């Protein structure tokens, strides 16, 4: 589960960097990367939720 938390943190850092580049500089490619990262974050969060429920049992 620790690996999932680290993965989510890394994915969020990438998302944040690209989202800020889009907002501040109008970088369209960064916006595309941010949207892709958001989908990856969603998948990782679902995996975390599943692992968390299993650990709570």
C-alpha atoms as a PDB file:
ATOM      1  CA  UNK A   1       0.000   0.000   0.000  1.00  0.00           C
ATOM      2  CA  UNK A   2       2.953   2.289   0.634  1.00  0.00           C
ATOM      3  CA  UNK A   3       3.920   1.877  -3.030  1.00  0.00           C
ATOM      4  CA  UNK A   4       0.449   3.017  -4.115  1.00  0.00           C
ATOM      5  CA  UNK A   5       0.686   6.150  -1.977  1.00  0.00           C
ATOM      6  CA  UNK A   6       4.101   6.956  -3.468  1.00  0.00           C
ATOM      7  CA  UNK A   7       2.761   6.325  -6.977  1.00  0.00           C
ATOM      8  CA  UNK A   8      -0.192   8.664  -6.406  1.00  0.00           C
ATOM      9  CA  UNK A   9       2.136  11.346  -5.036  1.00  0.00           C
ATOM     10  CA  UNK A  10       4.421  11.061  -8.069  1.00  0.00           C
ATOM     11  CA  UNK A  11       1.492  11.152 -10.490  1.00  0.00           C
ATOM     12  CA  UNK A  12       0.055  14.199  -8.735  1.00  0.00           C
ATOM     13  CA  UNK A  13       3.404  15.987  -8.916  1.00  0.00           C
ATOM     14  CA  UNK A  14       3.481  15.398 -12.691  1.00  0.00           C
ATOM     15  CA  UNK A  15      -0.132  16.524 -13.018  1.00  0.00           C
ATOM     16  CA  UNK A  16       0.474  19.666 -10.997  1.00  0.00           C
ATOM     17  CA  UNK A  17       3.545  20.633 -13.023  1.00  0.00           C
ATOM     18  CA  UNK A  18       1.744  20.205 -16.347  1.00  0.00           C
ATOM     19  CA  UNK A  19      -1.487  21.857 -15.184  1.00  0.00           C
ATOM     20  CA  UNK A  20       0.448  24.907 -13.974  1.00  0.00           C
ATOM     21  CA  UNK A  21       2.344  25.083 -17.262  1.00  0.00           C
ATOM     22  CA  UNK A  22      -0.967  25.164 -19.104  1.00  0.00           C
ATOM     23  CA  UNK A  23      -2.462  27.800 -16.834  1.00  0.00           C
ATOM     24  CA  UNK A  24       0.558  30.086 -16.618  1.00  0.00           C
ATOM     25  CA  UNK A  25       2.013  29.737 -20.110  1.00  0.00           C
ATOM     26  CA  UNK A  26      -0.943  28.571 -22.195  1.00  0.00           C
ATOM     27  CA  UNK A  27       1.000  25.428 -23.093  1.00  0.00           C
ATOM     28  CA  UNK A  28      -1.540  23.198 -24.871  1.00  0.00           C
ATOM     29  CA  UNK A  29       0.714  20.114 -24.836  1.00  0.00           C
ATOM     30  CA  UNK A  30       1.048  20.430 -21.062  1.00  0.00           C
ATOM     31  CA  UNK A  31      -2.748  20.459 -20.825  1.00  0.00           C
ATOM     32  CA  UNK A  32      -2.875  17.186 -22.728  1.00  0.00           C
ATOM     33  CA  UNK A  33      -0.285  15.662 -20.404  1.00  0.00           C
ATOM     34  CA  UNK A  34      -2.223  16.917 -17.367  1.00  0.00           C
ATOM     35  CA  UNK A  35      -5.435  15.307 -18.609  1.00  0.00           C
ATOM     36  CA  UNK A  36      -3.614  12.020 -19.199  1.00  0.00           C
ATOM     37  CA  UNK A  37      -2.077  12.202 -15.720  1.00  0.00           C
ATOM     38  CA  UNK A  38      -5.503  12.805 -14.193  1.00  0.00           C
ATOM     39  CA  UNK A  39      -6.737   9.541 -15.702  1.00  0.00           C
ATOM     40  CA  UNK A  40      -3.715   7.704 -14.312  1.00  0.00           C
ATOM     41  CA  UNK A  41      -4.341   9.257 -10.883  1.00  0.00           C
ATOM     42  CA  UNK A  42      -7.931   8.044 -11.032  1.00  0.00           C
ATOM     43  CA  UNK A  43      -6.790   4.470 -11.725  1.00  0.00           C
ATOM     44  CA  UNK A  44      -4.223   4.595  -8.937  1.00  0.00           C
ATOM     45  CA  UNK A  45      -6.784   5.957  -6.483  1.00  0.00           C
ATOM     46  CA  UNK A  46      -9.177   3.124  -7.313  1.00  0.00           C
ATOM     47  CA  UNK A  47      -6.385   0.631  -6.659  1.00  0.00           C
ATOM     48  CA  UNK A  48      -5.606   2.383  -3.370  1.00  0.00           C
ATOM     49  CA  UNK A  49      -9.261   2.271  -2.328  1.00  0.00           C
ATOM     50  CA  UNK A  50      -9.377  -1.463  -3.053  1.00  0.00           C
ATOM     51  CA  UNK A  51      -6.143  -2.124  -1.135  1.00  0.00           C
ATOM     52  CA  UNK A  52      -7.308   0.028   1.759  1.00  0.00           C
ATOM     53  CA  UNK A  53     -10.558  -1.895   2.087  1.00  0.00           C
ATOM     54  CA  UNK A  54      -8.691  -5.202   2.025  1.00  0.00           C
ATOM     55  CA  UNK A  55      -6.265  -3.999   4.694  1.00  0.00           C
ATOM     56  CA  UNK A  56      -9.146  -2.898   6.920  1.00  0.00           C
ATOM     57  CA  UNK A  57     -10.621  -6.400   6.996  1.00  0.00           C
END
